[in-house]
Amino acid sequence: MGSIFRPKPPALPPVQPAPEPPPAEISAEEKERIAKEQAAVERRRKGRKSTILTGPLGIQEDKDEKLETLLGK
């Protein structure tokens, strides 16, 4: 019954179109800075990767490459 006595809501305003995005032009300095950052990331990634001695299946070394220990051979 409440809908009979309630006023109608006002009409919604028309939807405006979205503005066009700015052109994706990057200056030479910006391209150089991005390239330097990516190179630095790659250098750091390679540095850490060389310190990992195990693979997904465990230690990946042959019997010939094993170091002899004092307790046994």
PDB file of N, CA and C in Angstrom:
ATOM      1  N   MET A   1       0.804  -1.196   0.000  1.00  0.00           N
ATOM      2  CA  MET A   1       0.000   0.000   0.000  1.00  0.00           C
ATOM      3  C   MET A   1       0.843   1.254   0.000  1.00  0.00           C
ATOM      4  N   GLY A   2       2.085   1.113   0.421  1.00  0.00           N
ATOM      5  CA  GLY A   2       2.936   2.268   0.507  1.00  0.00           C
ATOM      6  C   GLY A   2       3.277   2.851  -0.853  1.00  0.00           C
ATOM      7  N   SER A   3       3.189   2.048  -1.908  1.00  0.00           N
ATOM      8  CA  SER A   3       3.564   2.543  -3.233  1.00  0.00           C
ATOM      9  C   SER A   3       2.537   3.523  -3.784  1.00  0.00           C
ATOM     10  N   ILE A   4       1.327   3.518  -3.288  1.00  0.00           N
ATOM     11  CA  ILE A   4       0.295   4.435  -3.775  1.00  0.00           C
ATOM     12  C   ILE A   4       0.591   5.852  -3.281  1.00  0.00           C
ATOM     13  N   PHE A   5       1.073   5.975  -2.073  1.00  0.00           N
ATOM     14  CA  PHE A   5       1.265   7.295  -1.483  1.00  0.00           C
ATOM     15  C   PHE A   5       2.681   7.848  -1.669  1.00  0.00           C
ATOM     16  N   ARG A   6       3.593   7.032  -2.200  1.00  0.00           N
ATOM     17  CA  ARG A   6       4.975   7.461  -2.397  1.00  0.00           C
ATOM     18  C   ARG A   6       5.107   8.213  -3.714  1.00  0.00           C
ATOM     19  N   PRO A   7       5.853   9.334  -3.726  1.00  0.00           N
ATOM     20  CA  PRO A   7       6.035  10.035  -5.005  1.00  0.00           C
ATOM     21  C   PRO A   7       6.996   9.254  -5.902  1.00  0.00           C
ATOM     22  N   LYS A   8       6.843   9.455  -7.191  1.00  0.00           N
ATOM     23  CA  LYS A   8       7.718   8.772  -8.150  1.00  0.00           C
ATOM     24  C   LYS A   8       9.124   9.380  -8.060  1.00  0.00           C
ATOM     25  N   PRO A   9      10.173   8.547  -8.208  1.00  0.00           N
ATOM     26  CA  PRO A   9      11.538   9.092  -8.168  1.00  0.00           C
ATOM     27  C   PRO A   9      11.805   9.919  -9.425  1.00  0.00           C
ATOM     28  N   PRO A  10      12.677  10.917  -9.330  1.00  0.00           N
ATOM     29  CA  PRO A  10      12.971  11.735 -10.510  1.00  0.00           C
ATOM     30  C   PRO A  10      13.695  10.905 -11.570  1.00  0.00           C
ATOM     31  N   ALA A  11      13.574  11.337 -12.805  1.00  0.00           N
ATOM     32  CA  ALA A  11      14.230  10.633 -13.909  1.00  0.00           C
ATOM     33  C   ALA A  11      15.744  10.800 -13.795  1.00  0.00           C
ATOM     34  N   LEU A  12      16.478   9.781 -14.193  1.00  0.00           N
ATOM     35  CA  LEU A  12      17.939   9.832 -14.136  1.00  0.00           C
ATOM     36  C   LEU A  12      18.481  10.716 -15.255  1.00  0.00           C
ATOM     37  N   PRO A  13      19.567  11.428 -15.000  1.00  0.00           N
ATOM     38  CA  PRO A  13      20.154  12.258 -16.056  1.00  0.00           C
ATOM     39  C   PRO A  13      20.766  11.362 -17.132  1.00  0.00           C
ATOM     40  N   PRO A  14      20.903  11.861 -18.358  1.00  0.00           N
ATOM     41  CA  PRO A  14      21.482  11.032 -19.420  1.00  0.00           C
ATOM     42  C   PRO A  14      22.958  10.721 -19.125  1.00  0.00           C
ATOM     43  N   VAL A  15      23.387   9.560 -19.572  1.00  0.00           N
ATOM     44  CA  VAL A  15      24.758   9.110 -19.339  1.00  0.00           C
ATOM     45  C   VAL A  15      25.688   9.775 -20.345  1.00  0.00           C
ATOM     46  N   GLN A  16      26.781  10.368 -19.842  1.00  0.00           N
ATOM     47  CA  GLN A  16      27.744  11.003 -20.724  1.00  0.00           C
ATOM     48  C   GLN A  16      28.739   9.957 -21.222  1.00  0.00           C
ATOM     49  N   PRO A  17      29.190  10.089 -22.464  1.00  0.00           N
ATOM     50  CA  PRO A  17      30.176   9.119 -22.961  1.00  0.00           C
ATOM     51  C   PRO A  17      31.513   9.296 -22.235  1.00  0.00           C
ATOM     52  N   ALA A  18      32.265   8.201 -22.135  1.00  0.00           N
ATOM     53  CA  ALA A  18      33.557   8.247 -21.457  1.00  0.00           C
ATOM     54  C   ALA A  18      34.553   9.051 -22.292  1.00  0.00           C
ATOM     55  N   PRO A  19      35.411   9.812 -21.636  1.00  0.00           N
ATOM     56  CA  PRO A  19      36.403  10.578 -22.398  1.00  0.00           C
ATOM     57  C   PRO A  19      37.424   9.639 -23.042  1.00  0.00           C
ATOM     58  N   GLU A  20      37.981  10.056 -24.163  1.00  0.00           N
ATOM     59  CA  GLU A  20      38.963   9.236 -24.852  1.00  0.00           C
ATOM     60  C   GLU A  20      40.286   9.272 -24.085  1.00  0.00           C
ATOM     61  N   PRO A  21      40.981   8.136 -24.012  1.00  0.00           N
ATOM     62  CA  PRO A  21      42.248   8.121 -23.284  1.00  0.00           C
ATOM     63  C   PRO A  21      43.301   8.925 -24.035  1.00  0.00           C
ATOM     64  N   PRO A  22      44.274   9.474 -23.320  1.00  0.00           N
ATOM     65  CA  PRO A  22      45.327  10.238 -23.986  1.00  0.00           C
ATOM     66  C   PRO A  22      46.193   9.308 -24.844  1.00  0.00           C
ATOM     67  N   PRO A  23      46.862   9.844 -25.841  1.00  0.00           N
ATOM     68  CA  PRO A  23      47.704   9.000 -26.680  1.00  0.00           C
ATOM     69  C   PRO A  23      48.847   8.392 -25.861  1.00  0.00           C
ATOM     70  N   ALA A  24      49.246   7.192 -26.227  1.00  0.00           N
ATOM     71  CA  ALA A  24      50.271   6.468 -25.466  1.00  0.00           C
ATOM     72  C   ALA A  24      51.662   6.746 -26.027  1.00  0.00           C
ATOM     73  N   GLU A  25      52.022   7.999 -26.164  1.00  0.00           N
ATOM     74  CA  GLU A  25      53.337   8.359 -26.653  1.00  0.00           C
ATOM     75  C   GLU A  25      54.281   8.511 -25.466  1.00  0.00           C
ATOM     76  N   ILE A  26      55.443   7.858 -25.561  1.00  0.00           N
ATOM     77  CA  ILE A  26      56.428   7.912 -24.489  1.00  0.00           C
ATOM     78  C   ILE A  26      57.671   8.604 -25.037  1.00  0.00           C
ATOM     79  N   SER A  27      58.210   9.527 -24.259  1.00  0.00           N
ATOM     80  CA  SER A  27      59.390  10.263 -24.691  1.00  0.00           C
ATOM     81  C   SER A  27      60.614   9.349 -24.690  1.00  0.00           C
ATOM     82  N   ALA A  28      61.681   9.784 -25.339  1.00  0.00           N
ATOM     83  CA  ALA A  28      62.909   8.997 -25.422  1.00  0.00           C
ATOM     84  C   ALA A  28      63.527   8.805 -24.036  1.00  0.00           C
ATOM     85  N   GLU A  29      63.471   9.849 -23.196  1.00  0.00           N
ATOM     86  CA  GLU A  29      64.018   9.731 -21.848  1.00  0.00           C
ATOM     87  C   GLU A  29      63.253   8.689 -21.035  1.00  0.00           C
ATOM     88  N   GLU A  30      61.937   8.682 -21.191  1.00  0.00           N
ATOM     89  CA  GLU A  30      61.103   7.725 -20.464  1.00  0.00           C
ATOM     90  C   GLU A  30      61.407   6.299 -20.934  1.00  0.00           C
ATOM     91  N   LYS A  31      61.565   6.099 -22.237  1.00  0.00           N
ATOM     92  CA  LYS A  31      61.895   4.770 -22.764  1.00  0.00           C
ATOM     93  C   LYS A  31      63.247   4.301 -22.236  1.00  0.00           C
ATOM     94  N   GLU A  32      64.218   5.217 -22.169  1.00  0.00           N
ATOM     95  CA  GLU A  32      65.550   4.867 -21.673  1.00  0.00           C
ATOM     96  C   GLU A  32      65.497   4.487 -20.194  1.00  0.00           C
ATOM     97  N   ARG A  33      64.723   5.230 -19.405  1.00  0.00           N
ATOM     98  CA  ARG A  33      64.592   4.933 -17.977  1.00  0.00           C
ATOM     99  C   ARG A  33      63.944   3.564 -17.763  1.00  0.00           C
ATOM    100  N   ILE A  34      62.909   3.252 -18.542  1.00  0.00           N
ATOM    101  CA  ILE A  34      62.225   1.964 -18.429  1.00  0.00           C
ATOM    102  C   ILE A  34      63.176   0.832 -18.802  1.00  0.00           C
ATOM    103  N   ALA A  35      63.970   1.017 -19.864  1.00  0.00           N
ATOM    104  CA  ALA A  35      64.921  -0.009 -20.292  1.00  0.00           C
ATOM    105  C   ALA A  35      65.969  -0.263 -19.214  1.00  0.00           C
ATOM    106  N   LYS A  36      66.446   0.808 -18.553  1.00  0.00           N
ATOM    107  CA  LYS A  36      67.439   0.653 -17.490  1.00  0.00           C
ATOM    108  C   LYS A  36      66.844  -0.109 -16.304  1.00  0.00           C
ATOM    109  N   GLU A  37      65.617   0.201 -15.939  1.00  0.00           N
ATOM    110  CA  GLU A  37      64.964  -0.493 -14.824  1.00  0.00           C
ATOM    111  C   GLU A  37      64.794  -1.972 -15.131  1.00  0.00           C
ATOM    112  N   GLN A  38      64.372  -2.301 -16.347  1.00  0.00           N
ATOM    113  CA  GLN A  38      64.179  -3.697 -16.722  1.00  0.00           C
ATOM    114  C   GLN A  38      65.508  -4.443 -16.755  1.00  0.00           C
ATOM    115  N   ALA A  39      66.576  -3.788 -17.220  1.00  0.00           N
ATOM    116  CA  ALA A  39      67.894  -4.420 -17.243  1.00  0.00           C
ATOM    117  C   ALA A  39      68.378  -4.701 -15.820  1.00  0.00           C
ATOM    118  N   ALA A  40      68.136  -3.769 -14.907  1.00  0.00           N
ATOM    119  CA  ALA A  40      68.542  -3.963 -13.519  1.00  0.00           C
ATOM    120  C   ALA A  40      67.790  -5.139 -12.888  1.00  0.00           C
ATOM    121  N   VAL A  41      66.524  -5.253 -13.187  1.00  0.00           N
ATOM    122  CA  VAL A  41      65.721  -6.366 -12.661  1.00  0.00           C
ATOM    123  C   VAL A  41      66.264  -7.685 -13.199  1.00  0.00           C
ATOM    124  N   GLU A  42      66.595  -7.741 -14.470  1.00  0.00           N
ATOM    125  CA  GLU A  42      67.132  -8.969 -15.065  1.00  0.00           C
ATOM    126  C   GLU A  42      68.480  -9.336 -14.448  1.00  0.00           C
ATOM    127  N   ARG A  43      69.333  -8.347 -14.197  1.00  0.00           N
ATOM    128  CA  ARG A  43      70.628  -8.624 -13.573  1.00  0.00           C
ATOM    129  C   ARG A  43      70.443  -9.208 -12.178  1.00  0.00           C
ATOM    130  N   ARG A  44      69.529  -8.632 -11.401  1.00  0.00           N
ATOM    131  CA  ARG A  44      69.274  -9.144 -10.055  1.00  0.00           C
ATOM    132  C   ARG A  44      68.698 -10.549 -10.111  1.00  0.00           C
ATOM    133  N   ARG A  45      67.813 -10.807 -11.063  1.00  0.00           N
ATOM    134  CA  ARG A  45      67.186 -12.116 -11.186  1.00  0.00           C
ATOM    135  C   ARG A  45      68.242 -13.167 -11.525  1.00  0.00           C
ATOM    136  N   LYS A  46      69.149 -12.869 -12.445  1.00  0.00           N
ATOM    137  CA  LYS A  46      70.194 -13.815 -12.817  1.00  0.00           C
ATOM    138  C   LYS A  46      71.126 -14.070 -11.642  1.00  0.00           C
ATOM    139  N   GLY A  47      71.404 -13.028 -10.867  1.00  0.00           N
ATOM    140  CA  GLY A  47      72.296 -13.181  -9.726  1.00  0.00           C
ATOM    141  C   GLY A  47      71.749 -14.140  -8.692  1.00  0.00           C
ATOM    142  N   ARG A  48      70.484 -14.073  -8.392  1.00  0.00           N
ATOM    143  CA  ARG A  48      69.877 -14.965  -7.411  1.00  0.00           C
ATOM    144  C   ARG A  48      69.750 -16.380  -7.955  1.00  0.00           C
ATOM    145  N   LYS A  49      69.480 -16.506  -9.239  1.00  0.00           N
ATOM    146  CA  LYS A  49      69.256 -17.815  -9.829  1.00  0.00           C
ATOM    147  C   LYS A  49      70.519 -18.663  -9.775  1.00  0.00           C
ATOM    148  N   SER A  50      71.681 -18.036  -9.886  1.00  0.00           N
ATOM    149  CA  SER A  50      72.916 -18.803  -9.878  1.00  0.00           C
ATOM    150  C   SER A  50      73.241 -19.354  -8.498  1.00  0.00           C
ATOM    151  N   THR A  51      72.625 -18.834  -7.441  1.00  0.00           N
ATOM    152  CA  THR A  51      72.912 -19.320  -6.098  1.00  0.00           C
ATOM    153  C   THR A  51      72.037 -20.498  -5.707  1.00  0.00           C
ATOM    154  N   ILE A  52      71.005 -20.785  -6.464  1.00  0.00           N
ATOM    155  CA  ILE A  52      70.115 -21.894  -6.141  1.00  0.00           C
ATOM    156  C   ILE A  52      70.763 -23.181  -6.635  1.00  0.00           C
ATOM    157  N   LEU A  53      71.009 -24.120  -5.721  1.00  0.00           N
ATOM    158  CA  LEU A  53      71.721 -25.339  -6.066  1.00  0.00           C
ATOM    159  C   LEU A  53      70.800 -26.536  -6.272  1.00  0.00           C
ATOM    160  N   THR A  54      69.530 -26.374  -5.982  1.00  0.00           N
ATOM    161  CA  THR A  54      68.608 -27.489  -6.137  1.00  0.00           C
ATOM    162  C   THR A  54      67.561 -27.157  -7.178  1.00  0.00           C
ATOM    163  N   GLY A  55      66.987 -28.191  -7.748  1.00  0.00           N
ATOM    164  CA  GLY A  55      65.911 -28.036  -8.713  1.00  0.00           C
ATOM    165  C   GLY A  55      64.624 -28.545  -8.118  1.00  0.00           C
ATOM    166  N   PRO A  56      63.600 -28.656  -8.925  1.00  0.00           N
ATOM    167  CA  PRO A  56      62.325 -29.147  -8.394  1.00  0.00           C
ATOM    168  C   PRO A  56      62.392 -30.607  -7.953  1.00  0.00           C
ATOM    169  N   LEU A  57      63.399 -31.358  -8.420  1.00  0.00           N
ATOM    170  CA  LEU A  57      63.531 -32.761  -8.045  1.00  0.00           C
ATOM    171  C   LEU A  57      64.598 -32.983  -6.974  1.00  0.00           C
ATOM    172  N   GLY A  58      65.136 -31.923  -6.403  1.00  0.00           N
ATOM    173  CA  GLY A  58      66.157 -32.048  -5.372  1.00  0.00           C
ATOM    174  C   GLY A  58      67.517 -31.654  -5.904  1.00  0.00           C
ATOM    175  N   ILE A  59      68.575 -32.156  -5.272  1.00  0.00           N
ATOM    176  CA  ILE A  59      69.935 -31.812  -5.677  1.00  0.00           C
ATOM    177  C   ILE A  59      70.212 -32.421  -7.045  1.00  0.00           C
ATOM    178  N   GLN A  60      70.757 -31.630  -7.943  1.00  0.00           N
ATOM    179  CA  GLN A  60      70.970 -32.048  -9.325  1.00  0.00           C
ATOM    180  C   GLN A  60      72.463 -32.156  -9.636  1.00  0.00           C
ATOM    181  N   GLU A  61      73.189 -33.010  -8.949  1.00  0.00           N
ATOM    182  CA  GLU A  61      74.614 -33.167  -9.242  1.00  0.00           C
ATOM    183  C   GLU A  61      74.928 -34.644  -9.439  1.00  0.00           C
ATOM    184  N   ASP A  62      75.925 -34.907 -10.240  1.00  0.00           N
ATOM    185  CA  ASP A  62      76.344 -36.272 -10.495  1.00  0.00           C
ATOM    186  C   ASP A  62      77.270 -36.755  -9.387  1.00  0.00           C
ATOM    187  N   LYS A  63      77.554 -38.060  -9.393  1.00  0.00           N
ATOM    188  CA  LYS A  63      78.469 -38.612  -8.398  1.00  0.00           C
ATOM    189  C   LYS A  63      79.872 -38.061  -8.604  1.00  0.00           C
ATOM    190  N   ASP A  64      80.259 -37.797  -9.841  1.00  0.00           N
ATOM    191  CA  ASP A  64      81.592 -37.279 -10.123  1.00  0.00           C
ATOM    192  C   ASP A  64      81.762 -35.858  -9.594  1.00  0.00           C
ATOM    193  N   GLU A  65      80.708 -35.090  -9.548  1.00  0.00           N
ATOM    194  CA  GLU A  65      80.781 -33.696  -9.127  1.00  0.00           C
ATOM    195  C   GLU A  65      80.727 -33.530  -7.610  1.00  0.00           C
ATOM    196  N   LYS A  66      80.360 -34.590  -6.885  1.00  0.00           N
ATOM    197  CA  LYS A  66      80.251 -34.485  -5.433  1.00  0.00           C
ATOM    198  C   LYS A  66      81.609 -34.241  -4.813  1.00  0.00           C
ATOM    199  N   LEU A  67      81.630 -33.467  -3.782  1.00  0.00           N
ATOM    200  CA  LEU A  67      82.851 -33.226  -3.035  1.00  0.00           C
ATOM    201  C   LEU A  67      83.077 -34.364  -2.055  1.00  0.00           C
ATOM    202  N   GLU A  68      84.321 -34.751  -1.883  1.00  0.00           N
ATOM    203  CA  GLU A  68      84.631 -35.798  -0.911  1.00  0.00           C
ATOM    204  C   GLU A  68      84.556 -35.190   0.484  1.00  0.00           C
ATOM    205  N   THR A  69      84.015 -35.944   1.394  1.00  0.00           N
ATOM    206  CA  THR A  69      83.912 -35.481   2.772  1.00  0.00           C
ATOM    207  C   THR A  69      84.974 -36.179   3.618  1.00  0.00           C
ATOM    208  N   LEU A  70      85.184 -35.708   4.793  1.00  0.00           N
ATOM    209  CA  LEU A  70      86.162 -36.321   5.691  1.00  0.00           C
ATOM    210  C   LEU A  70      85.644 -37.634   6.250  1.00  0.00           C
ATOM    211  N   LEU A  71      84.345 -37.825   6.298  1.00  0.00           N
ATOM    212  CA  LEU A  71      83.780 -39.032   6.917  1.00  0.00           C
ATOM    213  C   LEU A  71      83.729 -40.203   5.950  1.00  0.00           C
ATOM    214  N   GLY A  72      83.704 -39.978   4.695  1.00  0.00           N
ATOM    215  CA  GLY A  72      83.626 -41.092   3.760  1.00  0.00           C
ATOM    216  C   GLY A  72      83.680 -40.612   2.345  1.00  0.00           C
ATOM    217  N   LYS A  73      83.754 -41.568   1.454  1.00  0.00           N
ATOM    218  CA  LYS A  73      83.848 -41.196   0.029  1.00  0.00           C
ATOM    219  C   LYS A  73      82.688 -41.739  -0.753  1.00  0.00           C
TER     220      LYS A  73
END
